[in-house]
PDB file of N, CA and C in Angstrom:
ATOM      1  N   MET A   1      99.227 106.976 109.452  1.00  0.00           N
ATOM      2  CA  MET A   1      99.345 107.238 108.036  1.00  0.00           C
ATOM      3  C   MET A   1      98.493 106.254 107.233  1.00  0.00           C
ATOM      4  N   ASP A   2      98.593 104.970 107.560  1.00  0.00           N
ATOM      5  CA  ASP A   2      97.812 103.969 106.830  1.00  0.00           C
ATOM      6  C   ASP A   2      96.320 104.231 106.946  1.00  0.00           C
ATOM      7  N   TYR A   3      95.870 104.678 108.124  1.00  0.00           N
ATOM      8  CA  TYR A   3      94.454 104.980 108.300  1.00  0.00           C
ATOM      9  C   TYR A   3      94.020 106.080 107.345  1.00  0.00           C
ATOM     10  N   THR A   4      94.821 107.118 107.214  1.00  0.00           N
ATOM     11  CA  THR A   4      94.507 108.233 106.311  1.00  0.00           C
ATOM     12  C   THR A   4      94.414 107.743 104.877  1.00  0.00           C
ATOM     13  N   ILE A   5      95.366 106.938 104.470  1.00  0.00           N
ATOM     14  CA  ILE A   5      95.375 106.406 103.107  1.00  0.00           C
ATOM     15  C   ILE A   5      94.168 105.507 102.877  1.00  0.00           C
ATOM     16  N   ASP A   6      93.871 104.641 103.828  1.00  0.00           N
ATOM     17  CA  ASP A   6      92.710 103.752 103.706  1.00  0.00           C
ATOM     18  C   ASP A   6      91.411 104.550 103.605  1.00  0.00           C
ATOM     19  N   LEU A   7      91.306 105.613 104.374  1.00  0.00           N
ATOM     20  CA  LEU A   7      90.118 106.458 104.327  1.00  0.00           C
ATOM     21  C   LEU A   7      89.995 107.137 102.958  1.00  0.00           C
ATOM     22  N   LEU A   8      91.099 107.638 102.438  1.00  0.00           N
ATOM     23  CA  LEU A   8      91.088 108.251 101.108  1.00  0.00           C
ATOM     24  C   LEU A   8      90.660 107.250 100.049  1.00  0.00           C
ATOM     25  N   ILE A   9      91.160 106.038 100.129  1.00  0.00           N
ATOM     26  CA  ILE A   9      90.799 104.997  99.165  1.00  0.00           C
ATOM     27  C   ILE A   9      89.317 104.689  99.252  1.00  0.00           C
ATOM     28  N   THR A  10      88.791 104.614 100.450  1.00  0.00           N
ATOM     29  CA  THR A  10      87.361 104.377 100.629  1.00  0.00           C
ATOM     30  C   THR A  10      86.545 105.484  99.966  1.00  0.00           C
ATOM     31  N   MET A  11      86.940 106.714 100.184  1.00  0.00           N
ATOM     32  CA  MET A  11      86.213 107.847  99.618  1.00  0.00           C
ATOM     33  C   MET A  11      86.306 107.860  98.095  1.00  0.00           C
ATOM     34  N   VAL A  12      87.478 107.585  97.561  1.00  0.00           N
ATOM     35  CA  VAL A  12      87.675 107.576  96.111  1.00  0.00           C
ATOM     36  C   VAL A  12      86.852 106.459  95.474  1.00  0.00           C
ATOM     37  N   THR A  13      86.939 105.264  96.019  1.00  0.00           N
ATOM     38  CA  THR A  13      86.236 104.134  95.406  1.00  0.00           C
ATOM     39  C   THR A  13      84.724 104.286  95.534  1.00  0.00           C
ATOM     40  N   GLU A  14      84.249 104.878  96.618  1.00  0.00           N
ATOM     41  CA  GLU A  14      82.816 105.138  96.736  1.00  0.00           C
ATOM     42  C   GLU A  14      82.357 106.123  95.669  1.00  0.00           C
ATOM     43  N   GLU A  15      83.147 107.164  95.442  1.00  0.00           N
ATOM     44  CA  GLU A  15      82.811 108.160  94.423  1.00  0.00           C
ATOM     45  C   GLU A  15      82.751 107.518  93.036  1.00  0.00           C
ATOM     46  N   ILE A  16      83.759 106.720  92.710  1.00  0.00           N
ATOM     47  CA  ILE A  16      83.807 106.068  91.403  1.00  0.00           C
ATOM     48  C   ILE A  16      82.655 105.071  91.253  1.00  0.00           C
ATOM     49  N   ALA A  17      82.375 104.308  92.298  1.00  0.00           N
ATOM     50  CA  ALA A  17      81.293 103.321  92.246  1.00  0.00           C
ATOM     51  C   ALA A  17      79.941 104.001  92.034  1.00  0.00           C
ATOM     52  N   GLU A  18      79.700 105.088  92.747  1.00  0.00           N
ATOM     53  CA  GLU A  18      78.444 105.817  92.579  1.00  0.00           C
ATOM     54  C   GLU A  18      78.336 106.399  91.172  1.00  0.00           C
ATOM     55  N   GLU A  19      79.426 106.901  90.664  1.00  0.00           N
ATOM     56  CA  GLU A  19      79.458 107.521  89.340  1.00  0.00           C
ATOM     57  C   GLU A  19      79.206 106.503  88.230  1.00  0.00           C
ATOM     58  N   THR A  20      79.760 105.312  88.387  1.00  0.00           N
ATOM     59  CA  THR A  20      79.709 104.308  87.322  1.00  0.00           C
ATOM     60  C   THR A  20      78.632 103.252  87.511  1.00  0.00           C
ATOM     61  N   GLY A  21      78.157 103.094  88.740  1.00  0.00           N
ATOM     62  CA  GLY A  21      77.191 102.038  89.025  1.00  0.00           C
ATOM     63  C   GLY A  21      77.844 100.676  89.223  1.00  0.00           C
ATOM     64  N   LYS A  22      79.169 100.653  89.244  1.00  0.00           N
ATOM     65  CA  LYS A  22      79.891  99.396  89.465  1.00  0.00           C
ATOM     66  C   LYS A  22      79.891  99.043  90.948  1.00  0.00           C
ATOM     67  N   ASP A  23      80.103  97.762  91.204  1.00  0.00           N
ATOM     68  CA  ASP A  23      80.211  97.273  92.575  1.00  0.00           C
ATOM     69  C   ASP A  23      81.449  97.878  93.241  1.00  0.00           C
ATOM     70  N   ARG A  24      81.301  98.292  94.486  1.00  0.00           N
ATOM     71  CA  ARG A  24      82.411  98.940  95.209  1.00  0.00           C
ATOM     72  C   ARG A  24      83.616  98.029  95.357  1.00  0.00           C
ATOM     73  N   LYS A  25      83.366  96.743  95.550  1.00  0.00           N
ATOM     74  CA  LYS A  25      84.485  95.803  95.694  1.00  0.00           C
ATOM     75  C   LYS A  25      85.280  95.713  94.404  1.00  0.00           C
ATOM     76  N   GLU A  26      84.588  95.727  93.264  1.00  0.00           N
ATOM     77  CA  GLU A  26      85.267  95.679  91.975  1.00  0.00           C
ATOM     78  C   GLU A  26      86.090  96.952  91.754  1.00  0.00           C
ATOM     79  N   VAL A  27      85.505  98.087  92.085  1.00  0.00           N
ATOM     80  CA  VAL A  27      86.214  99.362  91.940  1.00  0.00           C
ATOM     81  C   VAL A  27      87.436  99.380  92.860  1.00  0.00           C
ATOM     82  N   LEU A  28      87.259  98.899  94.083  1.00  0.00           N
ATOM     83  CA  LEU A  28      88.363  98.864  95.043  1.00  0.00           C
ATOM     84  C   LEU A  28      89.511  98.007  94.516  1.00  0.00           C
ATOM     85  N   THR A  29      89.194  96.826  94.021  1.00  0.00           N
ATOM     86  CA  THR A  29      90.221  95.931  93.490  1.00  0.00           C
ATOM     87  C   THR A  29      90.960  96.581  92.327  1.00  0.00           C
ATOM     88  N   ASP A  30      90.204  97.166  91.398  1.00  0.00           N
ATOM     89  CA  ASP A  30      90.821  97.829  90.246  1.00  0.00           C
ATOM     90  C   ASP A  30      91.696  98.993  90.689  1.00  0.00           C
ATOM     91  N   PHE A  31      91.202  99.773  91.651  1.00  0.00           N
ATOM     92  CA  PHE A  31      91.963 100.933  92.119  1.00  0.00           C
ATOM     93  C   PHE A  31      93.266 100.507  92.781  1.00  0.00           C
ATOM     94  N   LEU A  32      93.203  99.503  93.632  1.00  0.00           N
ATOM     95  CA  LEU A  32      94.407  99.067  94.340  1.00  0.00           C
ATOM     96  C   LEU A  32      95.481  98.523  93.396  1.00  0.00           C
ATOM     97  N   CYS A  33      95.066  97.989  92.253  1.00  0.00           N
ATOM     98  CA  CYS A  33      96.012  97.461  91.270  1.00  0.00           C
ATOM     99  C   CYS A  33      96.528  98.541  90.320  1.00  0.00           C
ATOM    100  N   SER A  34      95.945  99.721  90.388  1.00  0.00           N
ATOM    101  CA  SER A  34      96.317 100.804  89.476  1.00  0.00           C
ATOM    102  C   SER A  34      97.593 101.509  89.916  1.00  0.00           C
ATOM    103  N   LYS A  35      98.162 102.276  88.988  1.00  0.00           N
ATOM    104  CA  LYS A  35      99.335 103.088  89.322  1.00  0.00           C
ATOM    105  C   LYS A  35      98.973 104.133  90.370  1.00  0.00           C
ATOM    106  N   THR A  36      97.782 104.689  90.255  1.00  0.00           N
ATOM    107  CA  THR A  36      97.333 105.697  91.214  1.00  0.00           C
ATOM    108  C   THR A  36      97.226 105.089  92.608  1.00  0.00           C
ATOM    109  N   GLY A  37      96.636 103.921  92.699  1.00  0.00           N
ATOM    110  CA  GLY A  37      96.502 103.245  93.985  1.00  0.00           C
ATOM    111  C   GLY A  37      97.846 102.924  94.611  1.00  0.00           C
ATOM    112  N   LYS A  38      98.763 102.460  93.796  1.00  0.00           N
ATOM    113  CA  LYS A  38     100.104 102.138  94.295  1.00  0.00           C
ATOM    114  C   LYS A  38     100.845 103.402  94.719  1.00  0.00           C
ATOM    115  N   ALA A  39     100.671 104.476  93.945  1.00  0.00           N
ATOM    116  CA  ALA A  39     101.328 105.741  94.293  1.00  0.00           C
ATOM    117  C   ALA A  39     100.799 106.297  95.606  1.00  0.00           C
ATOM    118  N   LEU A  40      99.539 106.057  95.879  1.00  0.00           N
ATOM    119  CA  LEU A  40      98.944 106.547  97.121  1.00  0.00           C
ATOM    120  C   LEU A  40      99.607 105.914  98.335  1.00  0.00           C
ATOM    121  N   TYR A  41      99.956 104.646  98.231  1.00  0.00           N
ATOM    122  CA  TYR A  41     100.620 103.962  99.351  1.00  0.00           C
ATOM    123  C   TYR A  41     102.119 104.265  99.430  1.00  0.00           C
ATOM    124  N   ASP A  42     102.670 104.881  98.405  1.00  0.00           N
ATOM    125  CA  ASP A  42     104.078 105.270  98.424  1.00  0.00           C
ATOM    126  C   ASP A  42     104.164 106.645  99.089  1.00  0.00           C
ATOM    127  N   GLU A  43     104.574 106.666 100.330  1.00  0.00           N
ATOM    128  CA  GLU A  43     104.589 107.907 101.103  1.00  0.00           C
ATOM    129  C   GLU A  43     105.471 108.990 100.480  1.00  0.00           C
ATOM    130  N   LYS A  44     106.449 108.597  99.666  1.00  0.00           N
ATOM    131  CA  LYS A  44     107.339 109.569  99.035  1.00  0.00           C
ATOM    132  C   LYS A  44     106.605 110.448  98.016  1.00  0.00           C
ATOM    133  N   THR A  45     105.515 109.944  97.434  1.00  0.00           N
ATOM    134  CA  THR A  45     104.788 110.716  96.424  1.00  0.00           C
ATOM    135  C   THR A  45     103.971 111.847  97.040  1.00  0.00           C
ATOM    136  N   LYS A  46     103.684 111.731  98.324  1.00  0.00           N
ATOM    137  CA  LYS A  46     102.850 112.709  99.036  1.00  0.00           C
ATOM    138  C   LYS A  46     101.443 112.817  98.445  1.00  0.00           C
ATOM    139  N   LEU A  47     101.029 111.846  97.651  1.00  0.00           N
ATOM    140  CA  LEU A  47      99.687 111.858  97.072  1.00  0.00           C
ATOM    141  C   LEU A  47      98.627 111.805  98.162  1.00  0.00           C
ATOM    142  N   TRP A  48      98.962 111.191  99.277  1.00  0.00           N
ATOM    143  CA  TRP A  48      98.017 111.090 100.393  1.00  0.00           C
ATOM    144  C   TRP A  48      97.667 112.458 100.967  1.00  0.00           C
ATOM    145  N   CYS A  49      98.433 113.482 100.645  1.00  0.00           N
ATOM    146  CA  CYS A  49      98.132 114.843 101.100  1.00  0.00           C
ATOM    147  C   CYS A  49      96.994 115.474 100.293  1.00  0.00           C
ATOM    148  N   SER A  50      96.672 114.876  99.164  1.00  0.00           N
ATOM    149  CA  SER A  50      95.632 115.409  98.288  1.00  0.00           C
ATOM    150  C   SER A  50      94.260 114.920  98.725  1.00  0.00           C
ATOM    151  N   GLY A  51      93.253 115.614  98.268  1.00  0.00           N
ATOM    152  CA  GLY A  51      91.882 115.224  98.590  1.00  0.00           C
ATOM    153  C   GLY A  51      91.389 114.091  97.709  1.00  0.00           C
ATOM    154  N   PRO A  52      90.297 113.466  98.109  1.00  0.00           N
ATOM    155  CA  PRO A  52      89.765 112.332  97.351  1.00  0.00           C
ATOM    156  C   PRO A  52      89.323 112.703  95.936  1.00  0.00           C
ATOM    157  N   ALA A  53      88.801 113.905  95.734  1.00  0.00           N
ATOM    158  CA  ALA A  53      88.365 114.317  94.398  1.00  0.00           C
ATOM    159  C   ALA A  53      89.557 114.377  93.444  1.00  0.00           C
ATOM    160  N   TYR A  54      90.675 114.893  93.920  1.00  0.00           N
ATOM    161  CA  TYR A  54      91.890 114.976  93.094  1.00  0.00           C
ATOM    162  C   TYR A  54      92.400 113.574  92.762  1.00  0.00           C
ATOM    163  N   ILE A  55      92.422 112.704  93.752  1.00  0.00           N
ATOM    164  CA  ILE A  55      92.903 111.338  93.544  1.00  0.00           C
ATOM    165  C   ILE A  55      91.989 110.597  92.575  1.00  0.00           C
ATOM    166  N   ALA A  56      90.687 110.782  92.717  1.00  0.00           N
ATOM    167  CA  ALA A  56      89.733 110.153  91.802  1.00  0.00           C
ATOM    168  C   ALA A  56      89.962 110.635  90.374  1.00  0.00           C
ATOM    169  N   GLU A  57      90.238 111.916  90.215  1.00  0.00           N
ATOM    170  CA  GLU A  57      90.502 112.461  88.873  1.00  0.00           C
ATOM    171  C   GLU A  57      91.784 111.887  88.286  1.00  0.00           C
ATOM    172  N   LEU A  58      92.818 111.739  89.101  1.00  0.00           N
ATOM    173  CA  LEU A  58      94.060 111.097  88.630  1.00  0.00           C
ATOM    174  C   LEU A  58      93.783 109.670  88.153  1.00  0.00           C
ATOM    175  N   TYR A  59      92.960 108.970  88.900  1.00  0.00           N
ATOM    176  CA  TYR A  59      92.612 107.594  88.549  1.00  0.00           C
ATOM    177  C   TYR A  59      91.834 107.561  87.235  1.00  0.00           C
ATOM    178  N   ARG A  60      90.888 108.468  87.076  1.00  0.00           N
ATOM    179  CA  ARG A  60      90.129 108.540  85.820  1.00  0.00           C
ATOM    180  C   ARG A  60      91.066 108.808  84.634  1.00  0.00           C
ATOM    181  N   GLU A  61      92.005 109.712  84.831  1.00  0.00           N
ATOM    182  CA  GLU A  61      92.965 110.025  83.766  1.00  0.00           C
ATOM    183  C   GLU A  61      93.835 108.809  83.447  1.00  0.00           C
ATOM    184  N   GLU A  62      94.232 108.079  84.475  1.00  0.00           N
ATOM    185  CA  GLU A  62      95.015 106.862  84.248  1.00  0.00           C
ATOM    186  C   GLU A  62      94.213 105.865  83.425  1.00  0.00           C
ATOM    187  N   LEU A  63      92.943 105.715  83.739  1.00  0.00           N
ATOM    188  CA  LEU A  63      92.102 104.780  83.001  1.00  0.00           C
ATOM    189  C   LEU A  63      91.918 105.220  81.546  1.00  0.00           C
ATOM    190  N   LYS A  64      91.799 106.513  81.327  1.00  0.00           N
ATOM    191  CA  LYS A  64      91.675 107.021  79.951  1.00  0.00           C
ATOM    192  C   LYS A  64      92.929 106.698  79.145  1.00  0.00           C
ATOM    193  N   LYS A  65      94.080 106.848  79.768  1.00  0.00           N
ATOM    194  CA  LYS A  65      95.339 106.592  79.077  1.00  0.00           C
ATOM    195  C   LYS A  65      95.513 105.112  78.740  1.00  0.00           C
ATOM    196  N   THR A  66      94.955 104.249  79.565  1.00  0.00           N
ATOM    197  CA  THR A  66      95.065 102.804  79.315  1.00  0.00           C
ATOM    198  C   THR A  66      93.877 102.299  78.513  1.00  0.00           C
ATOM    199  N   ARG A  67      92.998 103.223  78.142  1.00  0.00           N
ATOM    200  CA  ARG A  67      91.800 102.923  77.346  1.00  0.00           C
ATOM    201  C   ARG A  67      90.843 101.987  78.060  1.00  0.00           C
ATOM    202  N   TYR A  68      90.901 101.950  79.361  1.00  0.00           N
ATOM    203  CA  TYR A  68      89.976 101.160  80.173  1.00  0.00           C
ATOM    204  C   TYR A  68      88.926 102.117  80.682  1.00  0.00           C
ATOM    205  N   HIS A  69      87.686 101.848  80.353  1.00  0.00           N
ATOM    206  CA  HIS A  69      86.616 102.768  80.725  1.00  0.00           C
ATOM    207  C   HIS A  69      85.918 102.303  81.988  1.00  0.00           C
ATOM    208  N   ILE A  70      85.712 103.273  82.884  1.00  0.00           N
ATOM    209  CA  ILE A  70      84.999 102.982  84.120  1.00  0.00           C
ATOM    210  C   ILE A  70      83.536 103.273  83.945  1.00  0.00           C
TER     211      ILE A  70
END
């Protein structure tokens, strides 16, 4: 399970980094501290069943709500 989640996080952060031009490590750190990142590791949410594009979109929406721009 952890491998699947880690792979999803890698795919999401790579997508965001390419989109924004930010460093992947910075995107990874920000993502892991986010509500979306925490929800992904909570197996009860079943978020890990979703694809990386969906998870990336959830993260973008979270950032919009907190007024933090990627």
